[in-house]
Protein backbone atom coordinates (compact mmCIF):
# COMPACT_ATOMS: atom_id res chain seq x y z
CA MET A 1 231.77 222.36 113.08
CA GLY A 2 234.45 219.60 113.96
CA SER A 3 233.92 215.36 114.32
CA PHE A 4 231.56 214.12 117.06
CA TRP A 5 229.95 211.02 118.09
CA ALA A 6 226.33 210.58 117.36
CA ARG A 7 223.78 207.79 118.31
CA ASP A 8 223.02 205.77 115.54
CA VAL A 9 219.57 205.09 114.47
CA GLY A 10 219.44 203.11 111.60
CA ARG A 11 221.30 203.40 107.80
CA PRO A 12 221.24 206.87 106.48
CA GLY A 13 218.90 207.41 103.87
CA MET A 14 216.76 210.20 101.81
CA GLY A 15 214.05 211.32 104.17
CA GLY A 16 211.26 213.50 103.95
CA PRO A 17 208.23 213.40 101.31
CA SER A 18 208.80 213.10 97.73
CA ARG A 19 209.05 215.72 95.16
CA ALA A 20 208.68 216.12 91.60
CA LEU A 21 212.50 216.54 90.38
CA GLY A 22 212.03 217.82 86.92
CA CYS A 23 215.20 217.74 85.22
CA ARG A 24 217.45 218.11 88.25
CA SER A 25 219.85 215.14 88.72
CA LEU A 26 220.48 213.13 91.78
CA PRO A 27 223.47 213.59 93.44
CA ASP A 28 226.04 210.49 92.65
CA ALA A 29 226.69 208.46 95.55
CA SER A 30 226.94 205.07 93.65
CA ARG A 31 230.88 204.65 94.24
CA ARG A 32 232.26 202.86 97.66
CA PRO A 33 234.48 204.93 99.49
CA SER A 34 237.49 203.50 100.38
CA LEU A 35 238.94 203.08 103.95
CA THR A 36 242.41 203.04 105.11
CA ALA A 37 244.37 203.41 108.64
CA GLU A 38 247.60 204.82 109.59
CA PRO A 39 249.84 204.08 110.97
CA GLY A 40 248.60 200.51 110.69
CA LEU A 41 245.92 198.11 111.95
CA VAL A 42 247.61 196.74 115.15
CA ILE A 43 248.16 199.45 117.55
CA PRO A 44 249.65 199.87 120.98
CA ARG A 45 246.98 200.76 124.19
CA GLY A 46 246.69 204.63 124.30
CA GLN A 47 248.77 205.11 120.75
CA PRO A 48 246.68 207.24 118.30
CA VAL A 49 245.34 205.66 114.80
CA SER A 50 243.80 207.46 112.12
CA PHE A 51 241.26 206.49 109.39
CA ARG A 52 240.87 207.83 106.19
CA CYS A 53 237.94 207.77 104.50
CA GLN A 54 238.32 208.69 100.62
CA GLY A 55 234.97 209.51 98.80
CA PRO A 56 234.32 211.06 94.94
CA PRO A 57 234.65 214.97 94.17
CA GLY A 58 231.72 216.97 95.75
CA THR A 59 231.23 214.70 98.98
CA GLU A 60 229.90 216.95 102.04
CA LEU A 61 230.20 214.75 104.77
CA TYR A 62 231.69 211.40 106.23
CA ARG A 63 230.91 209.02 108.53
CA LEU A 64 233.06 206.39 110.65
CA LYS A 65 231.21 203.74 111.98
CA LYS A 66 232.05 200.87 114.43
CA GLU A 67 230.66 197.33 114.05
CA GLY A 68 228.16 196.78 116.70
CA ALA A 69 228.22 199.97 118.52
CA GLU A 70 225.12 202.40 118.71
CA GLN A 71 227.43 205.38 117.88
CA PHE A 72 229.30 206.72 114.94
CA MET A 73 231.38 209.67 114.10
CA ASP A 74 230.84 212.44 111.32
CA LEU A 75 233.13 214.76 109.82
CA PRO A 76 232.36 217.73 107.13
CA ALA A 77 234.76 217.07 104.21
CA ALA A 78 235.83 220.78 104.15
CA GLU A 79 237.40 220.14 107.72
CA GLY A 80 239.40 216.97 107.68
CA GLY A 81 239.38 215.74 104.18
CA GLY A 82 238.18 212.66 105.80
CA LEU A 83 240.92 212.13 108.35
CA PHE A 84 239.23 210.38 111.96
CA SER A 85 241.71 210.14 114.63
CA LEU A 86 241.07 207.94 117.91
CA GLU A 87 243.49 206.90 121.01
CA THR A 88 243.27 203.25 120.83
CA ALA A 89 241.71 201.68 123.96
CA PRO A 90 239.86 198.30 124.66
CA ASN A 91 236.60 199.32 123.19
CA THR A 92 237.84 201.40 120.37
CA ALA A 93 239.24 197.42 119.02
CA GLY A 94 237.05 196.06 116.44
CA ASN A 95 235.71 196.22 112.69
CA TYR A 96 235.59 199.62 110.94
CA SER A 97 233.70 201.03 107.91
CA CYS A 98 232.79 204.64 106.75
CA LEU A 99 230.30 206.20 104.11
CA TYR A 100 229.68 209.61 102.34
CA LYS A 101 227.18 211.84 101.85
CA ILE A 102 226.57 214.19 98.73
CA GLN A 103 223.77 216.29 99.26
CA THR A 104 220.96 213.98 100.77
CA ALA A 105 222.45 211.16 99.23
CA TRP A 106 224.27 208.35 101.31
CA SER A 107 226.73 206.44 100.00
CA GLU A 108 227.01 202.37 100.28
CA PRO A 109 229.54 201.22 103.16
CA SER A 110 233.18 201.04 102.42
CA ASN A 111 235.43 197.84 102.79
CA THR A 112 235.94 196.76 106.19
CA LEU A 113 239.19 197.25 108.24
CA GLN A 114 239.96 195.35 111.96
CA LEU A 115 241.55 197.27 114.60
CA VAL A 116 243.47 195.68 116.87
CA VAL A 117 244.56 196.83 119.90
CA THR A 118 247.79 195.33 121.89
CA GLY A 119 248.50 195.75 125.52
CA LEU A 120 245.78 194.24 127.33
CA TYR A 121 247.63 191.01 128.65
CA GLU A 122 250.72 190.31 130.11
CA PRO A 123 253.23 189.21 127.14
CA PRO A 124 253.80 185.59 126.20
CA SER A 125 257.35 184.63 125.79
CA LEU A 126 259.21 183.48 122.41
CA SER A 127 261.76 181.02 122.03
CA ALA A 128 263.56 179.71 119.05
CA LEU A 129 264.16 175.61 118.67
CA PRO A 130 266.62 174.51 118.21
CA GLY A 131 267.92 178.03 118.52
CA PRO A 132 268.28 181.38 117.16
CA ASN A 133 271.21 180.76 115.03
CA VAL A 134 270.40 178.12 112.07
CA THR A 135 271.79 177.01 108.94
CA ALA A 136 269.95 177.20 105.66
CA GLY A 137 267.81 174.59 105.05
CA GLN A 138 267.03 173.83 108.43
CA ASN A 139 263.58 173.49 110.27
CA VAL A 140 263.01 175.84 113.19
CA THR A 141 259.88 176.02 115.79
CA LEU A 142 259.20 179.28 117.29
CA ARG A 143 257.41 178.51 120.77
CA CYS A 144 255.09 181.32 122.17
CA GLN A 145 254.34 180.47 125.32
CA THR A 146 252.01 182.05 128.05
CA GLU A 147 251.85 181.55 131.98
CA LEU A 148 247.61 181.90 131.74
CA TRP A 149 245.53 180.33 129.47
CA PHE A 150 244.85 181.60 125.69
CA SER A 151 243.08 180.13 123.16
CA SER A 152 245.23 181.60 120.20
CA ALA A 153 248.58 183.29 119.22
CA ALA A 154 250.03 185.75 116.26
CA LEU A 155 253.38 185.49 115.01
CA ALA A 156 254.91 188.94 113.76
CA LYS A 157 258.39 189.57 111.57
CA ASP A 158 259.48 192.56 111.42
CA GLY A 159 256.55 194.46 112.86
CA GLU A 160 254.24 192.71 110.31
CA THR A 161 251.89 189.99 111.18
CA VAL A 162 252.98 186.68 109.34
CA GLY A 163 250.88 183.84 110.77
CA PHE A 164 248.19 182.62 113.33
CA GLY A 165 248.14 179.43 115.25
CA SER A 166 245.55 177.45 117.95
CA ALA A 167 247.33 177.21 121.42
CA LEU A 168 247.61 174.05 123.29
CA HIS A 169 246.62 173.95 126.89
CA THR A 170 249.61 173.21 129.22
CA GLY A 171 248.26 173.62 132.95
CA PRO A 172 247.79 176.76 133.41
CA GLY A 173 249.41 177.97 130.79
CA SER A 174 249.34 177.61 126.61
CA ARG A 175 251.48 177.19 123.79
CA THR A 176 251.39 177.47 119.92
CA ASP A 177 254.44 176.28 117.85
CA PHE A 178 254.96 177.95 115.06
CA LEU A 179 257.34 175.68 112.27
CA LEU A 180 259.56 177.33 110.10
CA ALA A 181 260.42 174.49 107.69
CA ALA A 182 264.03 174.83 105.34
CA VAL A 183 264.60 178.20 106.78
CA SER A 184 266.01 180.55 103.73
CA ASP A 185 267.17 184.16 103.56
CA ALA A 186 263.49 185.12 103.60
CA GLN A 187 262.88 183.89 107.05
CA GLN A 188 265.75 185.75 108.57
CA GLY A 189 264.63 188.62 111.08
CA ARG A 190 263.17 190.00 114.24
CA TYR A 191 259.87 187.96 115.71
CA ARG A 192 257.54 188.32 118.40
CA CYS A 193 254.24 186.86 119.39
CA TYR A 194 250.87 187.93 120.78
CA SER A 195 248.00 186.05 122.81
CA PHE A 196 244.75 186.38 122.34
CA HIS A 197 240.95 184.88 122.74
CA GLY A 198 239.51 183.45 119.81
CA ALA A 199 236.11 185.22 120.92
CA ALA A 200 237.99 188.70 121.01
CA SER A 201 240.65 188.38 118.42
CA GLU A 202 240.80 191.99 118.10
CA LYS A 203 242.06 192.56 121.66
CA TRP A 204 245.91 191.23 121.78
CA SER A 205 248.43 191.08 124.93
CA SER A 206 251.65 192.59 124.93
CA PRO A 207 254.35 191.74 122.31
CA SER A 208 256.86 189.10 123.78
CA ALA A 209 260.58 189.94 123.66
CA PRO A 210 261.84 189.81 120.08
CA VAL A 211 263.87 186.62 118.91
CA GLU A 212 266.30 187.63 116.06
CA LEU A 213 266.46 185.04 113.82
CA ARG A 214 269.75 184.38 111.60
CA LEU A 215 271.23 182.14 109.22
CA THR A 216 275.01 181.35 109.75
CA GLY A 217 275.58 178.87 106.73
CA GLU A 218 275.45 175.65 105.06
CA ALA A 219 274.67 172.34 107.03
CA GLY A 220 277.20 170.50 105.78
CA ARG A 221 275.95 169.73 102.40
CA PRO A 222 274.55 172.31 99.53
CA SER A 223 271.11 173.66 100.84
CA GLN A 224 268.29 173.23 98.52
CA PRO A 225 266.32 176.46 99.55
CA PRO A 226 262.74 176.05 98.37
CA SER A 227 261.14 178.91 96.62
CA SER A 228 259.46 181.71 98.71
CA PRO A 229 256.30 182.79 97.17
CA LYS A 230 254.25 185.65 99.87
CA LEU A 231 252.71 184.56 102.33
CA PRO A 232 248.72 185.49 101.89
CA HIS A 233 247.45 187.89 104.74
CA CYS A 234 245.30 185.91 107.18
CA PRO A 235 243.81 188.43 109.37
CA LYS A 236 240.96 186.11 110.36
CA ASP A 237 241.73 182.36 109.68
CA LEU A 238 244.06 180.47 111.67
CA LEU A 239 246.73 178.46 110.19
CA GLN A 240 246.07 174.72 110.51
CA GLY A 241 249.19 172.28 111.21
CA VAL A 242 250.02 169.56 108.77
CA PRO A 243 250.67 165.83 109.03
CA GLU A 244 254.15 166.60 108.03
CA ALA A 245 255.05 169.08 110.69
CA ARG A 246 253.24 166.72 113.26
CA ARG A 247 255.66 163.80 112.02
CA LEU A 248 258.71 166.34 112.71
CA GLU A 249 257.67 166.96 115.65
CA GLU A 250 257.04 163.33 117.06
CA GLU A 251 260.85 162.62 115.75
CA GLU A 252 261.92 165.61 117.85
CA ALA A 253 260.38 164.55 120.89
CA GLN A 254 261.92 160.88 120.68
CA ARG A 255 265.46 162.81 120.39
CA GLY A 256 264.04 164.63 123.37
CA GLY A 257 264.77 167.71 121.84
CA MET A 258 261.07 169.45 122.63
CA GLU A 259 257.53 167.99 124.08
CA SER A 260 254.70 167.15 121.79
CA GLY A 261 252.44 170.12 120.88
CA PRO A 262 250.52 171.91 117.97
CA TRP A 263 252.03 172.69 114.71
CA VAL A 264 251.44 175.69 112.32
CA ASN A 265 253.33 175.20 109.45
CA LEU A 266 254.72 178.73 108.01
CA ARG A 267 256.23 177.38 104.34
CA GLU A 268 255.64 180.47 102.40
CA TRP A 269 256.72 183.99 103.54
CA ARG A 270 257.06 187.51 102.37
CA GLN A 271 260.11 188.57 100.06
């Protein structure tokens, strides 16, 4: 018997009349399973994604559930080892968790993973201000622009999401500015951005064309790059602009370098 989708009628449990158990031990389903995804959680529309649910020895059945859906997917442990394969589409985007079953006992749900599906809207454009070739210690703005209105944007570096920002409405379109303060080696790389609506944060546009950020040298005096702790992963919360970023923007606007707009200050980056 392979995997299949069935209708969800509530959380599984131990149904039927009670019986005397005598000295028989109850099945142990007290451990929560773990859920992982390959090749990742940001997947282009039409591409496959695999969820692996891992339970303890003795697991007989795995169940994959999508938040808000009335259906679930069951897979006998002997057939797939808890590996569920899906082809991404707009309706597959969302939050997933899994359970396992030992005899008649079901576990608690696993950790929750949010699957993001890209390619659902036209791509935005991404540009670097004042340019993609910068000196150490210089401030750079990555501007994500769309022709249609979107409420939010995501910034990715070398394929990994590193920041989120709220968008400014500019006529029929929108834009989000990501500030990279005091650029150092850690910020070099290939950047892309995505647009999405806040109410559907798991449904993204196609990625923008890449912008390659390169460090070209020192700016007339020895630069003092700040320490670079890792950027915490923030799949839900939007990073907010800071007063210093707003001041830098206003100074740049007075010099005619850019329009006034919202800022997202990305000071901490992954090494």
